[in-house]
Amino acid sequence: MKRTTPTSSLVDRLAAVGDQVRLRLLRLLERQELSVGELARVMQMPQSSVSRHLKILSDSQWVESRAEGTSTLYRLVLDDLNQENRALWLAVREQVGQDNSPELAEDLRRLAAVLDERRTDTKSFFGRVAGEWDEVRTDLFGDRVTLQAMLPLIPRGWTVADLGCGTGNAAELLAPIVGKVLAVDQSEPMLQAARKRLSSHRNVEFLQGDLEKLPIADASVDAAVCVLVLHHIAEPEKVCAEMARILRPGGVALVVDMLEHDRSAYRQTMGHRWLGFPVTQMIRLLSGAGLREVRMQALPSATEAKGPGLFACTGYRGGGADVKAATGGAGSPA
């Protein structure tokens, strides 16, 4: 059935098909009904770019769409085009010589491979949503499912120190997995919030104290984590030295913080002392504390995130001599 909605102006219709990417899309969609994910794979383009071009084509009444499960399928049906678009498409299709285009031949080769994956229901589903799978999975299961599923890789008997625990976000993830969590913060209001949040977990010990002089014994924890705290510390090398001191041999230190950035307003609005940390500085901080195998990597940014990029930096404690030399032989305050 032909659509009876108002037609676009000639300029709009010409603009819609006057783009090479949209021409490729239309030639594919005239042959086969496809999802955004499938089109992205066939055309070897980011899904966001494909979606943007599809919106233009949809707004100009060139393509139809329908929902199938969690995916949306698009198609061009020649007989359903309004009279103006149908005449224009026939003329454009003839001029571009669709059947002889080398680019189209490549598109069709990849299209055949994509369609081959539809042979069973399972292959059909994952083939259609491959480009959209992260969004689908987050919608179904939440955005922390992968992290939570990997937490059991941490040995159950470990003792983990959460330094600058705040309201207990990290401790809440760790408590069901490990043997014991030492939640440390200098702020009593923060600790009160963490106690309330973690009231059902009996393996969390709350300690008030400065991160530069931790109330934790030497070589008493298997892991020390410091998440989005170090940029508040005037002398971060002291915190790194304390992390190394409290680790058992073979223990791991993990620092998560912001990459170097230029948002100087954070100093006034949020009390940041450091505008993130460059790679060289962070590696030097952990290495200088006597930790080995120091590695730093940028973390993927969430699409909705408005802050600077983040990193994770890890280092391992070797023998006691390394740490004592780096920290000047400081002993336990506990």
C-alpha atoms as a PDB file:
ATOM      1  CA  MET A   1       0.000   0.000   0.000  1.00  0.00           C
ATOM      2  CA  LYS A   2       1.431   3.345  -1.033  1.00  0.00           C
ATOM      3  CA  ARG A   3       1.935   5.892   1.698  1.00  0.00           C
ATOM      4  CA  THR A   4      -0.230   8.981   1.605  1.00  0.00           C
ATOM      5  CA  THR A   5       1.769  11.196   3.961  1.00  0.00           C
ATOM      6  CA  PRO A   6       2.894  14.570   2.546  1.00  0.00           C
ATOM      7  CA  THR A   7       5.861  14.271   0.229  1.00  0.00           C
ATOM      8  CA  SER A   8       9.163  16.030   0.813  1.00  0.00           C
ATOM      9  CA  SER A   9      10.254  18.905  -1.364  1.00  0.00           C
ATOM     10  CA  LEU A  10      12.316  18.087  -4.429  1.00  0.00           C
ATOM     11  CA  VAL A  11      15.388  19.603  -2.789  1.00  0.00           C
ATOM     12  CA  ASP A  12      14.970  17.387   0.281  1.00  0.00           C
ATOM     13  CA  ARG A  13      14.447  14.293  -1.819  1.00  0.00           C
ATOM     14  CA  LEU A  14      17.500  15.021  -3.938  1.00  0.00           C
ATOM     15  CA  ALA A  15      19.580  15.735  -0.844  1.00  0.00           C
ATOM     16  CA  ALA A  16      18.557  12.431   0.698  1.00  0.00           C
ATOM     17  CA  VAL A  17      19.837  10.396  -2.249  1.00  0.00           C
ATOM     18  CA  GLY A  18      22.694  12.738  -3.140  1.00  0.00           C
ATOM     19  CA  ASP A  19      25.066  11.074  -0.703  1.00  0.00           C
ATOM     20  CA  GLN A  20      27.211   8.049  -1.584  1.00  0.00           C
ATOM     21  CA  VAL A  21      26.589   6.315   1.737  1.00  0.00           C
ATOM     22  CA  ARG A  22      22.827   6.695   1.455  1.00  0.00           C
ATOM     23  CA  LEU A  23      22.915   5.433  -2.122  1.00  0.00           C
ATOM     24  CA  ARG A  24      24.668   2.288  -0.902  1.00  0.00           C
ATOM     25  CA  LEU A  25      22.098   1.906   1.855  1.00  0.00           C
ATOM     26  CA  LEU A  26      19.197   2.191  -0.553  1.00  0.00           C
ATOM     27  CA  ARG A  27      20.700  -0.306  -2.983  1.00  0.00           C
ATOM     28  CA  LEU A  28      21.161  -2.799  -0.156  1.00  0.00           C
ATOM     29  CA  LEU A  29      17.742  -2.212   1.362  1.00  0.00           C
ATOM     30  CA  GLU A  30      16.032  -2.663  -1.987  1.00  0.00           C
ATOM     31  CA  ARG A  31      17.486  -6.184  -2.025  1.00  0.00           C
ATOM     32  CA  GLN A  32      17.105  -7.176   1.606  1.00  0.00           C
ATOM     33  CA  GLU A  33      15.467  -6.137   4.860  1.00  0.00           C
ATOM     34  CA  LEU A  34      18.326  -5.408   7.284  1.00  0.00           C
ATOM     35  CA  SER A  35      19.007  -4.179  10.807  1.00  0.00           C
ATOM     36  CA  VAL A  36      21.343  -1.347  11.779  1.00  0.00           C
ATOM     37  CA  GLY A  37      23.868  -3.868  13.055  1.00  0.00           C
ATOM     38  CA  GLU A  38      23.791  -5.845   9.820  1.00  0.00           C
ATOM     39  CA  LEU A  39      24.143  -2.715   7.694  1.00  0.00           C
ATOM     40  CA  ALA A  40      27.087  -1.565   9.790  1.00  0.00           C
ATOM     41  CA  ARG A  41      28.856  -4.866   9.147  1.00  0.00           C
ATOM     42  CA  VAL A  42      28.075  -4.927   5.431  1.00  0.00           C
ATOM     43  CA  MET A  43      29.194  -1.341   4.884  1.00  0.00           C
ATOM     44  CA  GLN A  44      32.044  -1.513   7.412  1.00  0.00           C
ATOM     45  CA  MET A  45      30.879   1.650   9.148  1.00  0.00           C
ATOM     46  CA  PRO A  46      30.128   2.576  12.769  1.00  0.00           C
ATOM     47  CA  GLN A  47      26.579   1.825  13.804  1.00  0.00           C
ATOM     48  CA  SER A  48      26.056   5.461  14.827  1.00  0.00           C
ATOM     49  CA  SER A  49      26.873   6.638  11.293  1.00  0.00           C
ATOM     50  CA  VAL A  50      24.514   4.104   9.738  1.00  0.00           C
ATOM     51  CA  SER A  51      21.734   5.161  12.128  1.00  0.00           C
ATOM     52  CA  ARG A  52      22.216   8.813  11.233  1.00  0.00           C
ATOM     53  CA  HIS A  53      21.893   8.133   7.513  1.00  0.00           C
ATOM     54  CA  LEU A  54      18.895   5.848   8.051  1.00  0.00           C
ATOM     55  CA  LYS A  55      17.108   8.619   9.934  1.00  0.00           C
ATOM     56  CA  ILE A  56      17.567  10.968   6.988  1.00  0.00           C
ATOM     57  CA  LEU A  57      16.208   8.334   4.613  1.00  0.00           C
ATOM     58  CA  SER A  58      13.316   7.542   6.916  1.00  0.00           C
ATOM     59  CA  ASP A  59      12.388  11.199   7.390  1.00  0.00           C
ATOM     60  CA  SER A  60      12.388  11.601   3.596  1.00  0.00           C
ATOM     61  CA  GLN A  61      10.123   8.532   3.188  1.00  0.00           C
ATOM     62  CA  TRP A  62      12.715   6.423   1.380  1.00  0.00           C
ATOM     63  CA  VAL A  63      12.717   3.480   3.759  1.00  0.00           C
ATOM     64  CA  GLU A  64      10.249   1.648   5.979  1.00  0.00           C
ATOM     65  CA  SER A  65      11.012   0.058   9.329  1.00  0.00           C
ATOM     66  CA  ARG A  66       9.494  -2.529  11.615  1.00  0.00           C
ATOM     67  CA  ALA A  67      10.418  -4.001  14.981  1.00  0.00           C
ATOM     68  CA  GLU A  68      11.510  -7.608  15.361  1.00  0.00           C
ATOM     69  CA  GLY A  69      12.291  -8.513  18.948  1.00  0.00           C
ATOM     70  CA  THR A  70      14.839  -6.017  20.220  1.00  0.00           C
ATOM     71  CA  SER A  71      15.954  -4.990  16.748  1.00  0.00           C
ATOM     72  CA  THR A  72      14.551  -2.688  14.062  1.00  0.00           C
ATOM     73  CA  LEU A  73      14.595  -3.833  10.441  1.00  0.00           C
ATOM     74  CA  TYR A  74      14.721  -1.433   7.500  1.00  0.00           C
ATOM     75  CA  ARG A  75      13.823  -1.906   3.855  1.00  0.00           C
ATOM     76  CA  LEU A  76      13.117  -0.071   0.624  1.00  0.00           C
ATOM     77  CA  VAL A  77       9.950  -1.329  -1.088  1.00  0.00           C
ATOM     78  CA  LEU A  78       9.721   0.164  -4.560  1.00  0.00           C
ATOM     79  CA  ASP A  79       5.959  -0.252  -4.831  1.00  0.00           C
ATOM     80  CA  ASP A  80       5.412   1.479  -1.489  1.00  0.00           C
ATOM     81  CA  LEU A  81       7.347   4.617  -2.391  1.00  0.00           C
ATOM     82  CA  ASN A  82       5.309   7.696  -3.135  1.00  0.00           C
ATOM     83  CA  GLN A  83       5.133   8.611  -6.796  1.00  0.00           C
ATOM     84  CA  GLU A  84       7.840  11.276  -6.663  1.00  0.00           C
ATOM     85  CA  ASN A  85      10.352   9.153  -4.771  1.00  0.00           C
ATOM     86  CA  ARG A  86       9.671   6.119  -6.938  1.00  0.00           C
ATOM     87  CA  ALA A  87      10.329   8.046 -10.149  1.00  0.00           C
ATOM     88  CA  LEU A  88      13.460   9.636  -8.711  1.00  0.00           C
ATOM     89  CA  TRP A  89      14.835   6.320  -7.442  1.00  0.00           C
ATOM     90  CA  LEU A  90      14.317   4.600 -10.792  1.00  0.00           C
ATOM     91  CA  ALA A  91      16.213   7.407 -12.507  1.00  0.00           C
ATOM     92  CA  VAL A  92      19.027   7.446  -9.943  1.00  0.00           C
ATOM     93  CA  ARG A  93      19.342   3.680  -9.939  1.00  0.00           C
ATOM     94  CA  GLU A  94      19.701   3.615 -13.706  1.00  0.00           C
ATOM     95  CA  GLN A  95      22.285   6.407 -13.712  1.00  0.00           C
ATOM     96  CA  VAL A  96      24.525   4.907 -11.055  1.00  0.00           C
ATOM     97  CA  GLY A  97      24.531   1.581 -12.840  1.00  0.00           C
ATOM     98  CA  GLN A  98      23.837  -0.389  -9.682  1.00  0.00           C
ATOM     99  CA  ASP A  99      24.565  -3.802 -11.144  1.00  0.00           C
ATOM    100  CA  ASN A 100      28.060  -2.872 -12.367  1.00  0.00           C
ATOM    101  CA  SER A 101      29.414  -0.973  -9.371  1.00  0.00           C
ATOM    102  CA  PRO A 102      32.607  -2.506  -7.860  1.00  0.00           C
ATOM    103  CA  GLU A 103      31.649  -0.991  -4.515  1.00  0.00           C
ATOM    104  CA  LEU A 104      28.244  -2.604  -4.709  1.00  0.00           C
ATOM    105  CA  ALA A 105      29.887  -5.922  -5.522  1.00  0.00           C
ATOM    106  CA  GLU A 106      31.863  -5.676  -2.273  1.00  0.00           C
ATOM    107  CA  ASP A 107      28.721  -4.726  -0.376  1.00  0.00           C
ATOM    108  CA  LEU A 108      26.875  -7.679  -1.862  1.00  0.00           C
ATOM    109  CA  ARG A 109      29.694 -10.054  -0.957  1.00  0.00           C
ATOM    110  CA  ARG A 110      29.565  -8.964   2.659  1.00  0.00           C
ATOM    111  CA  LEU A 111      25.768  -9.010   2.569  1.00  0.00           C
ATOM    112  CA  ALA A 112      25.834 -12.663   1.530  1.00  0.00           C
ATOM    113  CA  ALA A 113      28.061 -13.453   4.501  1.00  0.00           C
ATOM    114  CA  VAL A 114      25.734 -11.617   6.884  1.00  0.00           C
ATOM    115  CA  LEU A 115      22.653 -13.353   5.531  1.00  0.00           C
ATOM    116  CA  ASP A 116      24.377 -16.709   5.847  1.00  0.00           C
ATOM    117  CA  GLU A 117      24.359 -16.173   9.610  1.00  0.00           C
ATOM    118  CA  ARG A 118      20.568 -16.104   9.659  1.00  0.00           C
ATOM    119  CA  ARG A 119      20.244 -19.827   8.999  1.00  0.00           C
ATOM    120  CA  THR A 120      19.151 -20.674  12.527  1.00  0.00           C
ATOM    121  CA  ASP A 121      17.124 -18.638  14.995  1.00  0.00           C
ATOM    122  CA  THR A 122      20.110 -18.139  17.285  1.00  0.00           C
ATOM    123  CA  LYS A 123      22.395 -17.031  14.459  1.00  0.00           C
ATOM    124  CA  SER A 124      19.639 -14.784  13.166  1.00  0.00           C
ATOM    125  CA  PHE A 125      19.246 -13.014  16.501  1.00  0.00           C
ATOM    126  CA  PHE A 126      22.941 -12.416  17.124  1.00  0.00           C
ATOM    127  CA  GLY A 127      23.578 -11.537  13.494  1.00  0.00           C
ATOM    128  CA  ARG A 128      20.911  -8.876  13.598  1.00  0.00           C
ATOM    129  CA  VAL A 129      21.895  -7.307  16.903  1.00  0.00           C
ATOM    130  CA  ALA A 130      25.683  -7.688  16.728  1.00  0.00           C
ATOM    131  CA  GLY A 131      26.202  -3.959  16.299  1.00  0.00           C
ATOM    132  CA  GLU A 132      23.659  -3.196  19.018  1.00  0.00           C
ATOM    133  CA  TRP A 133      24.462  -5.988  21.464  1.00  0.00           C
ATOM    134  CA  ASP A 134      26.014  -3.878  24.231  1.00  0.00           C
ATOM    135  CA  GLU A 135      22.907  -1.695  24.316  1.00  0.00           C
ATOM    136  CA  VAL A 136      20.626  -4.732  24.297  1.00  0.00           C
ATOM    137  CA  ARG A 137      22.566  -6.443  27.075  1.00  0.00           C
ATOM    138  CA  THR A 138      22.606  -3.312  29.236  1.00  0.00           C
ATOM    139  CA  ASP A 139      18.867  -2.893  28.750  1.00  0.00           C
ATOM    140  CA  LEU A 140      18.233  -6.489  29.797  1.00  0.00           C
ATOM    141  CA  PHE A 141      20.787  -7.013  32.546  1.00  0.00           C
ATOM    142  CA  GLY A 142      22.199  -3.625  33.608  1.00  0.00           C
ATOM    143  CA  ASP A 143      25.521  -1.950  32.894  1.00  0.00           C
ATOM    144  CA  ARG A 144      27.558  -3.753  35.575  1.00  0.00           C
ATOM    145  CA  VAL A 145      26.826  -7.369  34.639  1.00  0.00           C
ATOM    146  CA  THR A 146      30.258  -8.030  33.090  1.00  0.00           C
ATOM    147  CA  LEU A 147      32.151  -6.565  36.041  1.00  0.00           C
ATOM    148  CA  GLN A 148      30.039  -8.462  38.558  1.00  0.00           C
ATOM    149  CA  ALA A 149      30.435 -11.720  36.653  1.00  0.00           C
ATOM    150  CA  MET A 150      34.233 -11.373  36.680  1.00  0.00           C
ATOM    151  CA  LEU A 151      34.532 -10.589  40.389  1.00  0.00           C
ATOM    152  CA  PRO A 152      34.511 -14.295  41.361  1.00  0.00           C
ATOM    153  CA  LEU A 153      37.937 -14.527  39.706  1.00  0.00           C
ATOM    154  CA  ILE A 154      39.256 -12.849  42.877  1.00  0.00           C
ATOM    155  CA  PRO A 155      40.291 -15.537  45.405  1.00  0.00           C
ATOM    156  CA  ARG A 156      37.640 -15.879  48.110  1.00  0.00           C
ATOM    157  CA  GLY A 157      40.128 -15.799  50.953  1.00  0.00           C
ATOM    158  CA  TRP A 158      41.609 -12.432  50.063  1.00  0.00           C
ATOM    159  CA  THR A 159      41.657  -9.421  52.337  1.00  0.00           C
ATOM    160  CA  VAL A 160      41.139  -6.235  50.302  1.00  0.00           C
ATOM    161  CA  ALA A 161      41.708  -2.672  51.505  1.00  0.00           C
ATOM    162  CA  ASP A 162      39.360  -0.116  49.924  1.00  0.00           C
ATOM    163  CA  LEU A 163      41.222   3.153  50.426  1.00  0.00           C
ATOM    164  CA  GLY A 164      39.061   6.259  50.363  1.00  0.00           C
ATOM    165  CA  CYS A 165      35.986   4.041  50.379  1.00  0.00           C
ATOM    166  CA  GLY A 166      33.517   6.936  50.378  1.00  0.00           C
ATOM    167  CA  THR A 167      29.961   5.636  50.607  1.00  0.00           C
ATOM    168  CA  GLY A 168      31.055   2.070  49.891  1.00  0.00           C
ATOM    169  CA  ASN A 169      30.545   1.652  46.158  1.00  0.00           C
ATOM    170  CA  ALA A 170      33.590  -0.560  45.572  1.00  0.00           C
ATOM    171  CA  ALA A 171      33.301  -2.315  48.932  1.00  0.00           C
ATOM    172  CA  GLU A 172      29.736  -3.300  48.078  1.00  0.00           C
ATOM    173  CA  LEU A 173      30.990  -5.145  45.003  1.00  0.00           C
ATOM    174  CA  LEU A 174      33.875  -6.792  46.829  1.00  0.00           C
ATOM    175  CA  ALA A 175      32.221  -7.868  50.083  1.00  0.00           C
ATOM    176  CA  PRO A 176      30.210 -10.817  48.687  1.00  0.00           C
ATOM    177  CA  ILE A 177      33.305 -12.179  46.934  1.00  0.00           C
ATOM    178  CA  VAL A 178      36.337 -11.849  49.206  1.00  0.00           C
ATOM    179  CA  GLY A 179      37.113 -12.929  52.748  1.00  0.00           C
ATOM    180  CA  LYS A 180      37.400  -9.454  54.254  1.00  0.00           C
ATOM    181  CA  VAL A 181      37.197  -5.806  53.210  1.00  0.00           C
ATOM    182  CA  LEU A 182      38.948  -3.016  55.106  1.00  0.00           C
ATOM    183  CA  ALA A 183      37.016   0.158  54.232  1.00  0.00           C
ATOM    184  CA  VAL A 184      39.139   3.210  55.042  1.00  0.00           C
ATOM    185  CA  ASP A 185      38.140   6.873  54.830  1.00  0.00           C
ATOM    186  CA  GLN A 186      39.121  10.031  56.692  1.00  0.00           C
ATOM    187  CA  SER A 187      35.546  11.350  56.632  1.00  0.00           C
ATOM    188  CA  GLU A 188      33.223  10.078  59.352  1.00  0.00           C
ATOM    189  CA  PRO A 189      30.061  11.098  57.404  1.00  0.00           C
ATOM    190  CA  MET A 190      31.303   9.021  54.459  1.00  0.00           C
ATOM    191  CA  LEU A 191      31.943   6.052  56.735  1.00  0.00           C
ATOM    192  CA  GLN A 192      28.475   6.408  58.243  1.00  0.00           C
ATOM    193  CA  ALA A 193      26.955   6.233  54.770  1.00  0.00           C
ATOM    194  CA  ALA A 194      29.119   3.211  53.942  1.00  0.00           C
ATOM    195  CA  ARG A 195      28.120   1.444  57.175  1.00  0.00           C
ATOM    196  CA  LYS A 196      24.455   1.927  56.326  1.00  0.00           C
ATOM    197  CA  ARG A 197      24.958   0.726  52.775  1.00  0.00           C
ATOM    198  CA  LEU A 198      26.919  -2.355  53.848  1.00  0.00           C
ATOM    199  CA  SER A 199      25.030  -3.186  57.030  1.00  0.00           C
ATOM    200  CA  SER A 200      24.214  -6.696  55.800  1.00  0.00           C
ATOM    201  CA  HIS A 201      27.873  -7.576  55.151  1.00  0.00           C
ATOM    202  CA  ARG A 202      29.644  -8.872  58.254  1.00  0.00           C
ATOM    203  CA  ASN A 203      33.062  -9.133  56.618  1.00  0.00           C
ATOM    204  CA  VAL A 204      33.589  -5.376  56.214  1.00  0.00           C
ATOM    205  CA  GLU A 205      35.668  -3.502  58.796  1.00  0.00           C
ATOM    206  CA  PHE A 206      35.402   0.287  58.768  1.00  0.00           C
ATOM    207  CA  LEU A 207      38.492   2.305  59.655  1.00  0.00           C
ATOM    208  CA  GLN A 208      38.787   6.074  59.941  1.00  0.00           C
ATOM    209  CA  GLY A 209      42.201   7.419  59.034  1.00  0.00           C
ATOM    210  CA  ASP A 210      44.392   9.310  56.587  1.00  0.00           C
ATOM    211  CA  LEU A 211      45.458   7.491  53.450  1.00  0.00           C
ATOM    212  CA  GLU A 212      48.981   8.867  53.889  1.00  0.00           C
ATOM    213  CA  LYS A 213      49.215   7.005  57.222  1.00  0.00           C
ATOM    214  CA  LEU A 214      46.909   4.004  57.025  1.00  0.00           C
ATOM    215  CA  PRO A 215      45.676   2.325  60.213  1.00  0.00           C
ATOM    216  CA  ILE A 216      46.555  -1.069  58.705  1.00  0.00           C
ATOM    217  CA  ALA A 217      49.435  -3.387  59.603  1.00  0.00           C
ATOM    218  CA  ASP A 218      52.381  -4.111  57.314  1.00  0.00           C
ATOM    219  CA  ALA A 219      51.942  -6.926  54.778  1.00  0.00           C
ATOM    220  CA  SER A 220      48.395  -7.672  55.916  1.00  0.00           C
ATOM    221  CA  VAL A 221      46.245  -7.398  52.750  1.00  0.00           C
ATOM    222  CA  ASP A 222      46.193  -9.180  49.413  1.00  0.00           C
ATOM    223  CA  ALA A 223      44.946  -6.198  47.424  1.00  0.00           C
ATOM    224  CA  ALA A 224      44.707  -2.445  47.957  1.00  0.00           C
ATOM    225  CA  VAL A 225      42.360  -0.431  45.763  1.00  0.00           C
ATOM    226  CA  CYS A 226      42.117   3.334  45.475  1.00  0.00           C
ATOM    227  CA  VAL A 227      39.243   4.394  43.211  1.00  0.00           C
ATOM    228  CA  LEU A 228      38.838   8.052  42.196  1.00  0.00           C
ATOM    229  CA  VAL A 229      40.614   9.317  45.303  1.00  0.00           C
ATOM    230  CA  LEU A 230      44.235  10.053  44.401  1.00  0.00           C
ATOM    231  CA  HIS A 231      43.446  13.338  42.622  1.00  0.00           C
ATOM    232  CA  HIS A 232      42.305  14.727  46.005  1.00  0.00           C
ATOM    233  CA  ILE A 233      45.629  13.923  47.697  1.00  0.00           C
ATOM    234  CA  ALA A 234      48.339  16.597  47.986  1.00  0.00           C
ATOM    235  CA  GLU A 235      51.155  14.040  48.058  1.00  0.00           C
ATOM    236  CA  PRO A 236      49.988  10.961  46.138  1.00  0.00           C
ATOM    237  CA  GLU A 237      53.400   9.312  46.456  1.00  0.00           C
ATOM    238  CA  LYS A 238      52.712   8.848  50.172  1.00  0.00           C
ATOM    239  CA  VAL A 239      49.465   7.011  49.462  1.00  0.00           C
ATOM    240  CA  CYS A 240      51.192   4.765  46.927  1.00  0.00           C
ATOM    241  CA  ALA A 241      53.924   4.011  49.459  1.00  0.00           C
ATOM    242  CA  GLU A 242      51.288   3.085  52.031  1.00  0.00           C
ATOM    243  CA  MET A 243      49.543   0.816  49.533  1.00  0.00           C
ATOM    244  CA  ALA A 244      52.827  -0.992  48.950  1.00  0.00           C
ATOM    245  CA  ARG A 245      53.523  -1.232  52.681  1.00  0.00           C
ATOM    246  CA  ILE A 246      50.267  -2.974  53.586  1.00  0.00           C
ATOM    247  CA  LEU A 247      50.455  -5.501  50.718  1.00  0.00           C
ATOM    248  CA  ARG A 248      51.584  -9.045  51.327  1.00  0.00           C
ATOM    249  CA  PRO A 249      54.297 -10.360  48.963  1.00  0.00           C
ATOM    250  CA  GLY A 250      52.553 -11.009  45.644  1.00  0.00           C
ATOM    251  CA  GLY A 251      49.726  -8.627  46.543  1.00  0.00           C
ATOM    252  CA  VAL A 252      48.335  -6.170  43.998  1.00  0.00           C
ATOM    253  CA  ALA A 253      47.681  -2.426  44.153  1.00  0.00           C
ATOM    254  CA  LEU A 254      44.988  -0.955  41.902  1.00  0.00           C
ATOM    255  CA  VAL A 255      44.534   2.766  41.297  1.00  0.00           C
ATOM    256  CA  VAL A 256      41.596   3.987  39.220  1.00  0.00           C
ATOM    257  CA  ASP A 257      41.580   7.697  38.476  1.00  0.00           C
ATOM    258  CA  MET A 258      41.299  10.333  35.779  1.00  0.00           C
ATOM    259  CA  LEU A 259      43.626  10.690  32.856  1.00  0.00           C
ATOM    260  CA  GLU A 260      45.343  14.054  32.564  1.00  0.00           C
ATOM    261  CA  HIS A 261      42.805  16.728  31.563  1.00  0.00           C
ATOM    262  CA  ASP A 262      42.362  20.510  31.422  1.00  0.00           C
ATOM    263  CA  ARG A 263      39.182  21.029  33.438  1.00  0.00           C
ATOM    264  CA  SER A 264      40.726  23.461  35.896  1.00  0.00           C
ATOM    265  CA  ALA A 265      37.313  24.378  37.327  1.00  0.00           C
ATOM    266  CA  TYR A 266      37.386  21.059  39.167  1.00  0.00           C
ATOM    267  CA  ARG A 267      39.924  22.573  41.579  1.00  0.00           C
ATOM    268  CA  GLN A 268      37.342  25.062  42.840  1.00  0.00           C
ATOM    269  CA  THR A 269      34.108  23.123  42.386  1.00  0.00           C
ATOM    270  CA  MET A 270      35.221  19.707  43.664  1.00  0.00           C
ATOM    271  CA  GLY A 271      38.463  20.257  45.525  1.00  0.00           C
ATOM    272  CA  HIS A 272      40.673  18.398  43.051  1.00  0.00           C
ATOM    273  CA  ARG A 273      44.386  18.884  43.685  1.00  0.00           C
ATOM    274  CA  TRP A 274      45.456  17.099  40.491  1.00  0.00           C
ATOM    275  CA  LEU A 275      43.942  17.467  37.022  1.00  0.00           C
ATOM    276  CA  GLY A 276      44.293  13.768  36.400  1.00  0.00           C
ATOM    277  CA  PHE A 277      47.563  11.906  35.966  1.00  0.00           C
ATOM    278  CA  PRO A 278      49.682  11.318  32.851  1.00  0.00           C
ATOM    279  CA  VAL A 279      50.949   7.793  32.225  1.00  0.00           C
ATOM    280  CA  THR A 280      54.544   8.575  33.132  1.00  0.00           C
ATOM    281  CA  GLN A 281      53.621  10.099  36.482  1.00  0.00           C
ATOM    282  CA  MET A 282      51.343   7.247  37.507  1.00  0.00           C
ATOM    283  CA  ILE A 283      53.854   4.567  36.605  1.00  0.00           C
ATOM    284  CA  ARG A 284      56.548   6.498  38.453  1.00  0.00           C
ATOM    285  CA  LEU A 285      54.349   6.737  41.563  1.00  0.00           C
ATOM    286  CA  LEU A 286      53.767   2.994  41.837  1.00  0.00           C
ATOM    287  CA  SER A 287      57.264   2.011  40.749  1.00  0.00           C
ATOM    288  CA  GLY A 288      58.721   4.489  43.210  1.00  0.00           C
ATOM    289  CA  ALA A 289      56.755   2.776  45.964  1.00  0.00           C
ATOM    290  CA  GLY A 290      58.633  -0.435  45.204  1.00  0.00           C
ATOM    291  CA  LEU A 291      55.905  -2.167  43.208  1.00  0.00           C
ATOM    292  CA  ARG A 292      56.728  -4.333  40.202  1.00  0.00           C
ATOM    293  CA  GLU A 293      55.124  -5.031  36.824  1.00  0.00           C
ATOM    294  CA  VAL A 294      53.402  -1.654  36.885  1.00  0.00           C
ATOM    295  CA  ARG A 295      50.892  -1.272  34.073  1.00  0.00           C
ATOM    296  CA  MET A 296      48.463   1.490  33.205  1.00  0.00           C
ATOM    297  CA  GLN A 297      45.661   1.398  30.673  1.00  0.00           C
ATOM    298  CA  ALA A 298      42.827   3.719  29.707  1.00  0.00           C
ATOM    299  CA  LEU A 299      39.340   2.480  30.517  1.00  0.00           C
ATOM    300  CA  PRO A 300      36.472   2.594  28.007  1.00  0.00           C
ATOM    301  CA  SER A 301      34.276   5.652  28.473  1.00  0.00           C
ATOM    302  CA  ALA A 302      30.554   5.219  28.998  1.00  0.00           C
ATOM    303  CA  THR A 303      28.547   7.032  26.326  1.00  0.00           C
ATOM    304  CA  GLU A 304      26.621   8.957  28.971  1.00  0.00           C
ATOM    305  CA  ALA A 305      29.742   9.911  30.954  1.00  0.00           C
ATOM    306  CA  LYS A 306      30.477  13.641  31.137  1.00  0.00           C
ATOM    307  CA  GLY A 307      33.779  13.552  33.014  1.00  0.00           C
ATOM    308  CA  PRO A 308      37.356  13.020  31.818  1.00  0.00           C
ATOM    309  CA  GLY A 309      38.581   9.618  30.736  1.00  0.00           C
ATOM    310  CA  LEU A 310      39.664   7.127  33.380  1.00  0.00           C
ATOM    311  CA  PHE A 311      42.576   4.719  33.740  1.00  0.00           C
ATOM    312  CA  ALA A 312      43.434   1.642  35.777  1.00  0.00           C
ATOM    313  CA  CYS A 313      47.001   1.260  37.034  1.00  0.00           C
ATOM    314  CA  THR A 314      48.252  -1.889  38.767  1.00  0.00           C
ATOM    315  CA  GLY A 315      51.450  -2.947  40.456  1.00  0.00           C
ATOM    316  CA  TYR A 316      52.546  -6.015  42.435  1.00  0.00           C
ATOM    317  CA  ARG A 317      54.564  -6.302  45.609  1.00  0.00           C
ATOM    318  CA  GLY A 318      57.649  -8.420  45.391  1.00  0.00           C
ATOM    319  CA  GLY A 319      59.879  -9.182  48.379  1.00  0.00           C
ATOM    320  CA  GLY A 320      59.818  -7.026  51.496  1.00  0.00           C
ATOM    321  CA  ALA A 321      63.217  -5.463  50.776  1.00  0.00           C
ATOM    322  CA  ASP A 322      61.925  -3.657  47.681  1.00  0.00           C
ATOM    323  CA  VAL A 323      59.112  -1.958  49.550  1.00  0.00           C
ATOM    324  CA  LYS A 324      61.178  -1.116  52.630  1.00  0.00           C
ATOM    325  CA  ALA A 325      63.814   0.532  50.477  1.00  0.00           C
ATOM    326  CA  ALA A 326      61.222   2.551  48.560  1.00  0.00           C
ATOM    327  CA  THR A 327      59.319   3.666  51.653  1.00  0.00           C
ATOM    328  CA  GLY A 328      62.316   4.324  53.825  1.00  0.00           C
ATOM    329  CA  GLY A 329      61.594   1.355  56.055  1.00  0.00           C
ATOM    330  CA  ALA A 330      58.416   2.860  57.527  1.00  0.00           C
ATOM    331  CA  GLY A 331      56.678   0.498  59.877  1.00  0.00           C
ATOM    332  CA  SER A 332      53.048  -0.183  60.618  1.00  0.00           C
ATOM    333  CA  PRO A 333      51.060   2.450  62.479  1.00  0.00           C
ATOM    334  CA  ALA A 334      48.601  -0.178  63.594  1.00  0.00           C
END
